[in-house]
Protein backbone atom coordinates (compact mmCIF):
# COMPACT_ATOMS: atom_id res chain seq x y z
CA MET A 1 23.64 -27.97 -20.46
CA ASN A 2 22.38 -25.00 -18.55
CA ILE A 3 20.78 -24.81 -15.35
CA ARG A 4 17.24 -24.52 -16.49
CA GLU A 5 17.76 -27.74 -18.37
CA ILE A 6 18.77 -29.92 -15.23
CA LEU A 7 16.44 -28.59 -12.72
CA SER A 8 14.95 -31.39 -10.39
CA GLN A 9 11.28 -31.95 -10.33
CA LYS A 10 11.38 -30.41 -6.75
CA ASP A 11 12.75 -27.16 -8.19
CA GLU A 12 9.98 -27.20 -10.64
CA ILE A 13 7.37 -27.59 -8.23
CA TYR A 14 8.98 -24.63 -5.92
CA LYS A 15 9.01 -22.48 -8.87
CA ALA A 16 5.31 -22.99 -9.55
CA HIS A 17 4.53 -22.31 -5.84
CA SER A 18 6.91 -19.14 -6.21
CA GLU A 19 4.59 -18.07 -9.31
CA ASP A 20 1.78 -18.40 -7.23
CA ALA A 21 3.26 -16.32 -4.17
CA ALA A 22 4.26 -13.74 -6.55
CA GLU A 23 0.63 -13.14 -7.66
CA LYS A 24 -0.32 -12.99 -4.00
CA THR A 25 2.42 -10.56 -3.37
CA ALA A 26 1.27 -8.26 -6.09
CA LEU A 27 -2.36 -8.19 -4.49
CA ALA A 28 -0.81 -7.28 -1.40
CA LEU A 29 1.27 -4.29 -3.00
CA SER A 30 -2.15 -3.17 -4.43
CA ASP A 31 -3.58 -3.10 -1.00
CA ILE A 32 -0.62 -1.18 0.37
CA SER A 33 -0.46 1.49 -2.23
CA GLY A 34 -4.03 2.40 -1.55
CA GLY A 35 -4.97 2.35 -5.24
CA PRO A 36 -5.02 0.05 -8.29
CA VAL A 37 -1.72 -1.36 -9.38
CA SER A 38 -1.09 -3.25 -12.42
CA VAL A 39 1.68 -5.64 -12.37
CA GLY A 40 3.36 -7.19 -15.34
CA ASN A 41 4.01 -11.15 -15.86
CA SER A 42 5.92 -12.64 -13.01
CA VAL A 43 9.29 -14.11 -13.75
CA VAL A 44 10.59 -17.00 -11.67
CA ASP A 45 13.89 -18.13 -12.33
CA VAL A 46 16.36 -20.52 -10.46
CA VAL A 47 20.10 -19.05 -10.96
CA GLU A 48 23.53 -20.06 -9.62
CA ILE A 49 24.50 -18.37 -6.41
CA GLY A 50 27.61 -17.51 -7.90
CA ARG A 51 26.03 -14.81 -10.14
CA ILE A 52 25.04 -12.79 -7.26
CA ASN A 53 27.14 -11.41 -4.55
CA ASN A 54 26.24 -12.92 -1.07
CA LEU A 55 23.78 -10.74 0.88
CA TYR A 56 24.21 -11.75 4.30
CA GLY A 57 26.40 -14.55 5.65
CA ASN A 58 27.00 -17.69 3.66
CA VAL A 59 24.53 -18.89 1.00
CA ASN A 60 25.16 -22.08 -0.72
CA GLY A 61 23.56 -23.70 -3.75
CA ARG A 62 20.89 -22.13 -5.85
CA ILE A 63 18.19 -19.53 -4.89
CA SER A 64 14.97 -18.86 -6.35
CA LEU A 65 14.69 -15.45 -7.76
CA VAL A 66 11.25 -14.07 -8.22
CA LYS A 67 10.98 -10.68 -10.13
CA LEU A 68 7.93 -8.51 -10.24
CA ASN A 69 7.60 -5.65 -12.63
CA VAL A 70 5.35 -3.20 -11.18
CA GLN A 71 3.61 -0.18 -13.10
CA GLY A 72 1.01 2.31 -12.53
CA LYS A 73 0.84 3.98 -9.17
CA LEU A 74 3.95 2.26 -8.17
CA LYS A 75 7.04 2.09 -10.26
CA GLY A 76 9.92 -0.25 -9.48
CA GLU A 77 10.88 -3.69 -9.12
CA ILE A 78 10.79 -6.31 -6.14
CA PHE A 79 13.14 -9.06 -5.90
CA LEU A 80 12.75 -11.66 -3.50
CA LEU A 81 15.49 -14.09 -3.05
CA PRO A 82 14.84 -16.99 -0.55
CA SER A 83 17.19 -20.10 -0.92
CA SER A 84 15.35 -23.06 -2.55
CA LYS A 85 15.93 -25.11 0.70
CA ASP A 86 14.66 -22.57 3.31
CA ALA A 87 11.12 -21.24 4.24
CA GLU A 88 10.03 -18.70 6.51
CA VAL A 89 6.77 -17.10 7.62
CA LEU A 90 6.82 -13.61 8.34
CA THR A 91 3.48 -11.81 9.79
CA THR A 92 3.29 -7.97 10.55
CA ASP A 93 0.91 -5.32 10.50
CA LEU A 94 0.98 -2.21 8.53
CA ALA A 95 0.27 0.74 10.58
CA SER A 96 -1.25 3.82 9.45
CA ARG A 97 1.70 6.23 8.42
CA ARG A 98 -0.16 9.60 7.28
CA THR A 99 2.24 12.33 8.05
CA HIS A 100 1.68 15.99 7.26
CA GLY A 101 4.22 18.53 6.17
CA GLU A 102 7.98 17.62 5.48
CA ILE A 103 8.88 13.81 5.63
CA SER A 104 12.44 13.12 6.83
CA GLU A 105 14.49 10.12 5.16
CA ASP A 106 14.28 8.38 8.41
CA VAL A 107 10.48 8.30 7.97
CA LYS A 108 10.73 7.22 4.40
CA ASN A 109 13.14 4.45 5.38
CA SER A 110 10.73 3.33 8.12
CA VAL A 111 7.96 3.15 5.74
CA LEU A 112 9.83 1.26 3.37
CA GLY A 113 10.60 -1.24 5.99
CA GLU A 114 7.07 -1.77 6.76
CA ILE A 115 6.12 -2.36 3.30
CA GLY A 116 9.20 -4.48 2.73
CA ASN A 117 7.73 -6.47 5.84
CA ILE A 118 4.36 -7.04 4.25
CA LEU A 119 5.52 -7.92 0.87
CA ALA A 120 8.09 -10.38 2.55
CA ALA A 121 5.24 -11.68 4.61
CA THR A 122 2.81 -12.06 1.79
CA TYR A 123 5.51 -13.89 -0.21
CA ILE A 124 6.64 -16.45 2.28
CA THR A 125 3.37 -17.15 3.81
CA ALA A 126 2.35 -18.39 0.23
CA ILE A 127 5.57 -20.02 -0.38
CA GLY A 128 5.50 -21.70 3.09
CA LYS A 129 2.75 -23.82 2.15
CA TYR A 130 4.95 -25.79 -0.20
CA PHE A 131 7.26 -26.66 2.74
CA GLY A 132 4.21 -27.69 5.08
CA ASP A 133 5.70 -25.95 8.27
CA ILE A 134 4.84 -23.35 10.55
CA LEU A 135 8.01 -21.03 11.17
CA MET A 136 8.34 -18.40 13.69
CA PRO A 137 9.93 -15.02 12.91
CA SER A 138 12.36 -12.89 14.76
CA VAL A 139 12.64 -9.24 13.90
CA PRO A 140 13.73 -8.54 10.36
CA ARG A 141 16.99 -6.70 9.77
CA LEU A 142 16.83 -3.72 7.64
CA SER A 143 19.49 -2.10 5.63
CA PHE A 144 19.21 0.67 3.08
CA LEU A 145 21.68 1.03 0.18
CA GLU A 146 22.29 2.92 -2.64
CA SER A 147 22.53 1.33 -6.09
CA SER A 148 25.86 -0.42 -5.48
CA GLY A 149 27.34 -3.72 -4.51
CA LEU A 150 24.95 -6.49 -5.06
CA VAL A 151 22.54 -4.09 -6.30
CA GLN A 152 24.87 -2.63 -8.87
CA LYS A 153 26.00 -6.25 -9.83
CA TYR A 154 22.54 -7.42 -10.59
CA ILE A 155 20.91 -4.53 -12.05
CA SER A 156 24.13 -4.01 -14.34
CA GLU A 157 22.29 -6.41 -16.29
CA ASN A 158 19.15 -4.76 -16.61
CA THR A 159 17.88 -1.24 -17.84
CA ASP A 160 16.13 1.49 -15.92
CA ILE A 161 18.30 1.22 -12.85
CA PRO A 162 16.26 2.43 -9.80
CA SER A 163 17.93 5.21 -7.40
CA ARG A 164 16.97 3.30 -4.06
CA ALA A 165 17.06 -0.05 -2.63
CA LEU A 166 15.93 -1.68 0.38
CA MET A 167 17.60 -5.05 1.63
CA ILE A 168 16.00 -7.19 4.31
CA ALA A 169 17.42 -10.17 5.82
CA CYS A 170 15.08 -12.21 8.25
CA ASP A 171 16.29 -14.66 10.58
CA PHE A 172 13.52 -17.38 11.66
CA VAL A 173 13.30 -20.30 14.01
CA VAL A 174 12.38 -23.49 12.41
CA GLY A 175 12.30 -26.24 15.13
CA ASN A 176 15.88 -26.26 16.70
CA GLY A 177 17.34 -24.59 13.72
CA ASN A 178 17.90 -21.10 12.24
CA VAL A 179 17.54 -19.78 8.78
CA ARG A 180 17.90 -16.49 7.11
CA VAL A 181 16.58 -15.24 3.92
CA PRO A 182 17.24 -12.10 2.05
CA PHE A 183 14.82 -9.85 0.18
CA LEU A 184 15.65 -7.07 -2.35
CA PHE A 185 13.24 -4.13 -2.86
CA LEU A 186 13.96 -1.61 -5.46
CA LEU A 187 11.78 1.50 -5.76
CA LYS A 188 11.78 4.47 -8.00
CA PRO A 189 12.29 8.15 -6.34
CA ASP A 190 8.55 9.16 -7.08
CA SER A 191 7.36 5.88 -5.86
CA ILE A 192 8.87 6.38 -2.51
CA ASP A 193 6.95 9.65 -2.11
CA THR A 194 3.72 8.00 -3.15
CA PHE A 195 4.11 5.54 -0.20
CA THR A 196 5.02 8.33 2.21
CA GLY A 197 1.97 10.08 1.46
CA LYS A 198 3.51 13.25 -0.35
CA ALA A 199 2.39 11.94 -3.84
């Protein structure tokens, strides 16, 4: 019996809320890009944590994997990987980032970080309704990686490997406890230029 066949009712409810959150994330993505963005079907899957390398610290149990295939003005894939037992709410404002002339890698990374924040905020604001709790975010931790490690391990099972990845781990205070949830954001090179105003 595979994991899909043994999902609990709670998991199924969580998946349904994840699908709704994925759609809201797609709408936010369209707003961020400044133009129309068409999004393919959202796929929500529950996989064994052993199939994916740990991102940050110890993560146990199952994770809910939300995959958005993005086409149109923005090309790439977004992977949101919150643990099914944790929920977070991240609120952040997207400042205007119109830069003329040559744009450095640091600026590109900064822009990707802000976009990642907005996508994470949209997702966990929507999924947070499932948990019925108000959570207070701390400063997100950003890490920019080439397609290696976790990224390479996961996308080795997929085609059209992107050349750049943004990994975010957010710490949150929930009552008297802290939780951490990772996000994986994969962009094609031309989409990076689109977001930084060069395209």
